[in-house]
Amino acid sequence: MKKIISVLLAVFLLLTASLTVSAQTTSKKLSKTPTITSKNGLWKYEGNILAGYCGKEESITLPKKVDGIEMYGIGSIGNNNVKHINIPINYTRVFAFAFGELQELRSVTFSQEYSDDYKMTRFDDAAFADCPKLEKVVLPNRMVESTFYDGDLKEKIYGGVLPSESFRNCPSLMDVTFPERLIKVGSSAFRGCTSIEKIVIPDGVEVIAVNAFKDTPSLKTLVLPDSIEEGGLNGAFNGVSSSTTVVCSSDGAAAKEIEARKQSSPSLYQFSVVSSTNSTVDGDINKDEKFNIKDVTHLQKYLALVVTEETVNTDKIDFNGDGNVNIIDCTLMQKALAKE
């Protein structure tokens, strides 16, 4: 009996020692990128990742460098004084909950610049989740989809993804500017956005995941592009209010899928569906129901034969109504935007 107890005790001590060594190893690994407070006392960072703002300003622009080190990732802001955040082009990685749970945050604006040095921005899930006063977000022009295989990051640069739960439980959210290249809206992306009234999904999006618009009682208009692929709306309309109007092409995959699902589950699909028409917004070249600098860029691409006629609002491309579509229309659009 004593021998058995001795053996058990020896095994216990061996396991304890093993766990201690494992914990020490983990600690050493984390200590390679310790959290450092900047010399000016305003920022915390871990390597090239911003880990917190320590100041008292309500409107901030994230620094391109901290203590001479270029930043590329946003790990956390962690400051409930902050209301408005501007983000320069060098930030190409946004971690989960980077802006999450900021109680006073009203707006986040990413740079719309493009550079060969900073091509795309990668977002993790729930980057903006649980921000009770967040009203407006301007996403970067290009977002990349990322997946992990065997610990190595593989980037699919053919199009971006709005990750799952990106704006979950943001009850004040009203306005989101999407990137140029987007192919998927993740699950529960807008779930719990109780104030948002209109969402225009940009052309190019092929898939909208389950519960994307669940618990959005104020959503009056949801505009879907022709690019939605067959089967690309599986569960997307779970919880969509009966007062919502879905606008889509009558002969597109979206309309066909909605009609099929309405017939099989009528109680879940009580919202109305109307056929899309050309925008009524002057200057809306790219069919997103808005007039902004992206319309100027889209018209320039159309004139350069980079994009096809199917991607433009043909009723709106002749901005000055002179019967010709040319660079003069682009110039006049820029001047009109400058006056707004």
Protein backbone atom coordinates (compact mmCIF):
# COMPACT_ATOMS: atom_id res chain seq x y z
CA MET A 1 0.00 0.00 0.00
CA LYS A 2 2.85 2.36 0.89
CA LYS A 3 4.44 1.64 -2.48
CA ILE A 4 1.23 2.55 -4.30
CA ILE A 5 0.95 5.82 -2.36
CA SER A 6 4.60 6.60 -3.10
CA VAL A 7 4.06 5.99 -6.83
CA LEU A 8 0.95 8.17 -6.92
CA LEU A 9 2.77 10.93 -5.06
CA ALA A 10 5.65 10.76 -7.50
CA VAL A 11 3.27 11.01 -10.48
CA PHE A 12 1.50 13.98 -8.89
CA LEU A 13 4.79 15.81 -8.31
CA LEU A 14 5.88 15.08 -11.87
CA LEU A 15 2.64 16.50 -13.31
CA THR A 16 2.89 19.58 -11.09
CA ALA A 17 6.44 20.20 -12.23
CA SER A 18 5.37 19.77 -15.86
CA LEU A 19 2.54 22.31 -15.51
CA THR A 20 4.91 24.77 -13.82
CA VAL A 21 7.40 24.49 -16.66
CA SER A 22 4.58 24.93 -19.19
CA ALA A 23 3.33 28.08 -17.42
CA GLN A 24 6.85 29.52 -17.31
CA THR A 25 7.31 28.83 -21.02
CA THR A 26 4.03 30.61 -21.83
CA SER A 27 5.04 33.56 -19.69
CA LYS A 28 8.37 33.86 -21.50
CA LYS A 29 6.63 33.73 -24.87
CA LEU A 30 4.27 36.56 -23.93
CA SER A 31 7.10 38.64 -22.47
CA LYS A 32 8.66 38.98 -25.93
CA THR A 33 6.09 41.68 -26.67
CA PRO A 34 5.39 43.36 -23.33
CA THR A 35 2.87 46.17 -23.01
CA ILE A 36 4.82 49.43 -23.04
CA THR A 37 3.60 52.94 -22.25
CA SER A 38 4.91 55.50 -24.73
CA LYS A 39 7.38 58.14 -23.67
CA ASN A 40 4.73 60.85 -23.94
CA GLY A 41 2.36 58.81 -21.79
CA LEU A 42 -0.46 58.82 -24.38
CA TRP A 43 -0.28 55.32 -25.82
CA LYS A 44 0.25 51.71 -24.89
CA TYR A 45 1.66 49.30 -27.42
CA GLU A 46 2.94 45.77 -27.84
CA GLY A 47 5.52 45.58 -30.60
CA ASN A 48 3.78 47.07 -33.65
CA ILE A 49 0.30 46.77 -32.15
CA LEU A 50 -1.48 49.67 -30.48
CA ALA A 51 -2.82 48.44 -27.14
CA GLY A 52 -4.49 51.50 -25.60
CA TYR A 53 -4.97 55.25 -25.43
CA CYS A 54 -4.17 56.93 -22.12
CA GLY A 55 -5.08 60.54 -22.91
CA LYS A 56 -8.19 62.62 -22.26
CA GLU A 57 -9.05 63.89 -25.75
CA GLU A 58 -12.47 63.01 -27.14
CA SER A 59 -11.36 63.09 -30.80
CA ILE A 60 -8.15 61.28 -31.66
CA THR A 61 -6.10 60.28 -34.69
CA LEU A 62 -4.12 57.12 -34.18
CA PRO A 63 -0.36 57.68 -34.49
CA LYS A 64 1.59 56.29 -37.42
CA LYS A 65 4.55 55.77 -35.09
CA VAL A 66 4.95 55.42 -31.33
CA ASP A 67 8.40 55.95 -29.87
CA GLY A 68 9.76 55.70 -33.41
CA ILE A 69 8.09 52.31 -34.05
CA GLU A 70 5.60 52.10 -36.91
CA MET A 71 2.21 50.78 -35.83
CA TYR A 72 0.22 48.42 -38.05
CA GLY A 73 -2.29 46.75 -35.71
CA ILE A 74 -5.11 47.94 -33.45
CA GLY A 75 -5.44 45.66 -30.47
CA SER A 76 -7.43 47.93 -28.18
CA ILE A 77 -8.33 51.56 -27.53
CA GLY A 78 -9.59 50.95 -24.01
CA ASN A 79 -10.57 54.52 -23.20
CA ASN A 80 -14.18 55.52 -22.56
CA ASN A 81 -13.43 59.23 -23.03
CA VAL A 82 -12.97 58.76 -26.76
CA LYS A 83 -15.85 59.74 -29.07
CA HIS A 84 -14.27 60.02 -32.52
CA ILE A 85 -11.36 58.06 -33.99
CA ASN A 86 -9.52 58.71 -37.25
CA ILE A 87 -7.24 55.96 -38.52
CA PRO A 88 -4.39 56.52 -41.01
CA ILE A 89 -3.50 54.19 -43.85
CA ASN A 90 -0.74 52.25 -42.07
CA TYR A 91 -3.15 50.25 -39.88
CA THR A 92 -3.71 46.98 -41.74
CA ARG A 93 -4.84 44.72 -38.90
CA VAL A 94 -7.80 45.20 -36.55
CA PHE A 95 -8.11 42.66 -33.76
CA ALA A 96 -11.28 41.34 -32.13
CA PHE A 97 -12.98 43.92 -29.88
CA ALA A 98 -10.43 46.56 -30.90
CA PHE A 99 -13.16 49.19 -30.45
CA GLY A 100 -15.54 46.97 -28.53
CA GLU A 101 -17.46 48.21 -25.50
CA LEU A 102 -16.27 51.82 -25.79
CA GLN A 103 -19.14 53.52 -24.00
CA GLU A 104 -18.86 57.01 -25.57
CA LEU A 105 -17.60 56.15 -29.05
CA ARG A 106 -19.61 57.90 -31.83
CA SER A 107 -17.60 57.46 -35.03
CA VAL A 108 -14.65 55.58 -36.52
CA THR A 109 -13.17 56.69 -39.84
CA PHE A 110 -10.50 54.74 -41.70
CA SER A 111 -8.32 56.41 -44.31
CA GLN A 112 -9.60 56.05 -47.86
CA GLU A 113 -6.11 56.31 -49.32
CA TYR A 114 -4.51 53.45 -51.20
CA SER A 115 -0.82 52.55 -51.31
CA ASP A 116 1.20 49.60 -52.57
CA ASP A 117 2.80 49.53 -49.13
CA TYR A 118 -0.54 49.18 -47.31
CA LYS A 119 -2.81 47.30 -49.69
CA MET A 120 -5.52 45.81 -47.49
CA THR A 121 -6.85 45.77 -43.95
CA ARG A 122 -7.70 42.56 -42.13
CA PHE A 123 -10.43 42.55 -39.46
CA ASP A 124 -11.15 39.98 -36.79
CA ASP A 125 -14.69 39.25 -35.57
CA ALA A 126 -16.61 41.70 -33.37
CA ALA A 127 -14.24 44.62 -33.87
CA PHE A 128 -16.96 47.21 -33.09
CA ALA A 129 -19.28 45.09 -30.95
CA ASP A 130 -21.20 46.43 -27.94
CA CYS A 131 -20.62 50.15 -28.50
CA PRO A 132 -23.88 51.71 -27.27
CA LYS A 133 -23.41 55.16 -28.86
CA LEU A 134 -21.55 54.30 -32.08
CA GLU A 135 -23.34 56.03 -34.97
CA LYS A 136 -21.06 56.02 -38.00
CA VAL A 137 -18.23 53.87 -39.36
CA VAL A 138 -16.24 54.45 -42.55
CA LEU A 139 -14.43 51.22 -43.34
CA PRO A 140 -11.15 51.17 -45.30
CA ASN A 141 -11.36 50.92 -49.08
CA ARG A 142 -9.96 47.41 -49.15
CA MET A 143 -10.49 44.59 -46.68
CA VAL A 144 -8.98 41.13 -46.92
CA GLU A 145 -10.47 37.78 -45.99
CA SER A 146 -8.16 35.69 -43.82
CA THR A 147 -8.24 32.07 -42.74
CA PHE A 148 -5.82 29.99 -40.71
CA TYR A 149 -4.37 26.66 -41.81
CA ASP A 150 -1.91 24.83 -39.55
CA GLY A 151 -1.05 28.05 -37.80
CA ASP A 152 -0.04 29.87 -40.99
CA LEU A 153 -2.05 32.85 -42.19
CA LYS A 154 -3.35 32.53 -45.74
CA GLU A 155 -4.77 35.71 -47.24
CA LYS A 156 -7.38 35.55 -49.98
CA ILE A 157 -7.01 38.87 -51.74
CA TYR A 158 -9.83 38.43 -54.22
CA GLY A 159 -12.23 40.29 -51.98
CA GLY A 160 -12.97 41.38 -48.45
CA VAL A 161 -15.25 40.08 -45.74
CA LEU A 162 -17.19 42.03 -43.15
CA PRO A 163 -16.53 39.60 -40.28
CA SER A 164 -19.06 37.98 -38.01
CA GLU A 165 -20.59 40.18 -35.29
CA SER A 166 -18.74 43.24 -36.57
CA PHE A 167 -21.43 45.66 -35.32
CA ARG A 168 -23.28 43.34 -32.95
CA ASN A 169 -25.28 45.23 -30.33
CA CYS A 170 -24.53 48.73 -31.59
CA PRO A 171 -28.01 50.19 -30.96
CA SER A 172 -27.18 53.72 -32.20
CA LEU A 173 -25.51 52.74 -35.47
CA MET A 174 -27.02 54.54 -38.46
CA ASP A 175 -24.39 54.74 -41.20
CA VAL A 176 -21.72 52.34 -42.51
CA THR A 177 -19.54 53.05 -45.54
CA PHE A 178 -18.43 49.75 -47.05
CA PRO A 179 -15.12 49.05 -48.83
CA GLU A 180 -14.86 48.88 -52.60
CA ARG A 181 -14.12 45.16 -52.64
CA LEU A 182 -16.46 43.11 -50.48
CA ILE A 183 -17.66 39.58 -51.17
CA LYS A 184 -19.28 38.52 -47.91
CA VAL A 185 -21.21 39.89 -44.94
CA GLY A 186 -20.54 37.69 -41.92
CA SER A 187 -23.02 36.13 -39.51
CA SER A 188 -24.74 38.50 -37.05
CA ALA A 189 -22.80 41.41 -38.59
CA PHE A 190 -25.60 43.90 -37.83
CA ARG A 191 -27.42 41.94 -35.17
CA GLY A 192 -28.89 44.19 -32.51
CA CYS A 193 -28.40 47.42 -34.48
CA THR A 194 -31.80 48.66 -33.41
CA SER A 195 -31.61 52.18 -34.91
CA ILE A 196 -30.28 51.53 -38.41
CA GLU A 197 -32.92 52.33 -41.04
CA LYS A 198 -31.22 51.58 -44.33
CA ILE A 199 -28.45 49.23 -45.46
CA VAL A 200 -27.19 49.17 -49.03
CA ILE A 201 -25.08 46.08 -49.62
CA PRO A 202 -22.46 46.99 -52.27
CA ASP A 203 -22.17 45.34 -55.63
CA GLY A 204 -19.77 42.40 -55.51
CA VAL A 205 -21.13 40.82 -52.35
CA GLU A 206 -21.93 37.16 -53.06
CA VAL A 207 -22.87 35.82 -49.63
CA ILE A 208 -24.73 37.19 -46.61
CA ALA A 209 -24.43 34.84 -43.65
CA VAL A 210 -26.94 33.69 -41.05
CA ASN A 211 -28.58 36.26 -38.73
CA ALA A 212 -26.79 39.14 -40.45
CA PHE A 213 -29.72 41.52 -39.85
CA LYS A 214 -31.41 39.90 -36.88
CA ASP A 215 -32.97 42.20 -34.26
CA THR A 216 -32.96 45.33 -36.45
CA PRO A 217 -36.54 46.56 -35.88
CA SER A 218 -35.94 50.02 -37.42
CA LEU A 219 -34.56 48.64 -40.69
CA LYS A 220 -36.88 50.01 -43.37
CA THR A 221 -34.85 49.38 -46.51
CA LEU A 222 -32.33 46.67 -47.37
CA VAL A 223 -30.84 46.93 -50.86
CA LEU A 224 -29.22 43.78 -52.28
CA PRO A 225 -26.88 43.70 -55.30
CA ASP A 226 -27.17 41.52 -58.39
CA SER A 227 -23.93 39.80 -57.38
CA ILE A 228 -25.62 37.64 -54.70
CA GLU A 229 -24.94 34.06 -55.74
CA GLU A 230 -27.35 31.14 -55.66
CA GLY A 231 -27.64 29.92 -52.07
CA GLY A 232 -25.89 33.04 -50.80
CA LEU A 233 -28.67 34.11 -48.43
CA ASN A 234 -29.00 31.02 -46.25
CA GLY A 235 -30.39 32.28 -42.94
CA ALA A 236 -29.53 35.90 -43.74
CA PHE A 237 -33.09 37.10 -43.08
CA ASN A 238 -33.64 35.36 -39.76
CA GLY A 239 -35.35 37.87 -37.50
CA VAL A 240 -35.80 40.57 -40.16
CA SER A 241 -38.82 42.73 -39.33
CA SER A 242 -42.02 42.46 -41.35
CA SER A 243 -41.81 46.25 -41.84
CA THR A 244 -38.55 45.93 -43.80
CA THR A 245 -38.55 46.32 -47.57
CA VAL A 246 -35.92 44.31 -49.45
CA VAL A 247 -34.91 45.85 -52.77
CA CYS A 248 -33.31 43.59 -55.39
CA SER A 249 -33.35 42.76 -59.07
CA SER A 250 -36.49 40.83 -59.95
CA ASP A 251 -34.59 38.29 -62.05
CA GLY A 252 -31.52 37.95 -59.83
CA ALA A 253 -30.47 35.10 -57.56
CA ALA A 254 -31.49 37.06 -54.44
CA ALA A 255 -35.12 37.50 -55.53
CA LYS A 256 -35.41 33.87 -56.58
CA GLU A 257 -33.99 32.59 -53.31
CA ILE A 258 -36.21 34.85 -51.21
CA GLU A 259 -39.29 33.73 -53.13
CA ALA A 260 -38.40 30.05 -52.68
CA ARG A 261 -37.81 30.51 -48.95
CA LYS A 262 -41.03 32.49 -48.56
CA GLN A 263 -42.96 29.58 -49.98
CA SER A 264 -41.30 27.01 -47.71
CA SER A 265 -41.26 29.15 -44.52
CA PRO A 266 -43.80 31.98 -44.92
CA SER A 267 -43.82 32.82 -41.21
CA LEU A 268 -40.10 33.65 -41.31
CA TYR A 269 -40.25 35.77 -44.47
CA GLN A 270 -42.94 38.38 -43.83
CA PHE A 271 -41.00 41.38 -45.16
CA SER A 272 -41.88 42.84 -48.56
CA VAL A 273 -39.72 42.57 -51.68
CA VAL A 274 -39.66 45.14 -54.47
CA SER A 275 -37.75 45.26 -57.74
CA SER A 276 -34.73 47.54 -57.79
CA THR A 277 -34.67 50.64 -59.96
CA ASN A 278 -32.01 53.19 -60.76
CA SER A 279 -31.08 55.44 -57.86
CA THR A 280 -32.92 58.71 -57.33
CA VAL A 281 -29.79 60.26 -55.77
CA ASP A 282 -28.06 62.74 -58.09
CA GLY A 283 -24.44 61.77 -58.67
CA ASP A 284 -24.92 58.21 -57.48
CA ILE A 285 -22.75 56.51 -60.10
CA ASN A 286 -21.96 53.26 -58.25
CA LYS A 287 -25.53 52.39 -57.21
CA ASP A 288 -25.05 52.63 -53.45
CA GLU A 289 -27.80 55.23 -52.93
CA LYS A 290 -25.22 57.84 -51.86
CA PHE A 291 -23.27 60.64 -53.53
CA ASN A 292 -19.64 60.80 -52.40
CA ILE A 293 -16.05 60.60 -53.63
CA LYS A 294 -16.50 56.92 -54.48
CA ASP A 295 -18.87 57.94 -57.27
CA VAL A 296 -16.17 60.17 -58.78
CA THR A 297 -13.68 57.30 -58.60
CA HIS A 298 -16.19 54.91 -60.16
CA LEU A 299 -16.90 57.26 -63.06
CA GLN A 300 -13.16 57.66 -63.65
CA LYS A 301 -12.82 53.87 -63.78
CA TYR A 302 -15.76 53.68 -66.18
CA LEU A 303 -14.16 56.25 -68.50
CA ALA A 304 -10.89 54.29 -68.35
CA LEU A 305 -12.78 51.08 -69.22
CA VAL A 306 -11.78 49.51 -65.89
CA VAL A 307 -15.40 48.81 -64.91
CA THR A 308 -18.30 47.85 -67.16
CA GLU A 309 -21.52 49.69 -67.92
CA GLU A 310 -23.46 47.22 -65.78
CA THR A 311 -21.81 48.65 -62.65
CA VAL A 312 -22.86 52.26 -63.24
CA ASN A 313 -26.12 54.16 -63.00
CA THR A 314 -26.53 55.09 -66.64
CA ASP A 315 -29.12 57.74 -65.74
CA LYS A 316 -26.60 59.57 -63.57
CA ILE A 317 -23.26 59.43 -65.43
CA ASP A 318 -23.89 62.56 -67.50
CA PHE A 319 -23.62 64.84 -64.47
CA ASN A 320 -23.94 68.17 -66.31
CA GLY A 321 -26.57 66.94 -68.78
CA ASP A 322 -24.69 68.02 -71.91
CA GLY A 323 -25.15 64.70 -73.68
CA ASN A 324 -21.51 63.65 -73.19
CA VAL A 325 -19.85 61.58 -70.49
CA ASN A 326 -16.27 62.69 -69.92
CA ILE A 327 -13.74 64.04 -67.44
CA ILE A 328 -15.73 67.28 -67.17
CA ASP A 329 -18.46 65.35 -65.36
CA CYS A 330 -15.87 64.07 -62.87
CA THR A 331 -14.60 67.61 -62.24
CA LEU A 332 -18.11 68.97 -61.69
CA MET A 333 -18.91 66.12 -59.31
CA GLN A 334 -15.80 66.94 -57.25
CA LYS A 335 -16.81 70.60 -57.09
CA ALA A 336 -20.35 69.65 -56.00
CA LEU A 337 -18.97 67.45 -53.23
CA ALA A 338 -16.64 70.24 -52.07
CA LYS A 339 -19.65 72.50 -51.50
CA GLU A 340 -21.42 69.98 -49.27
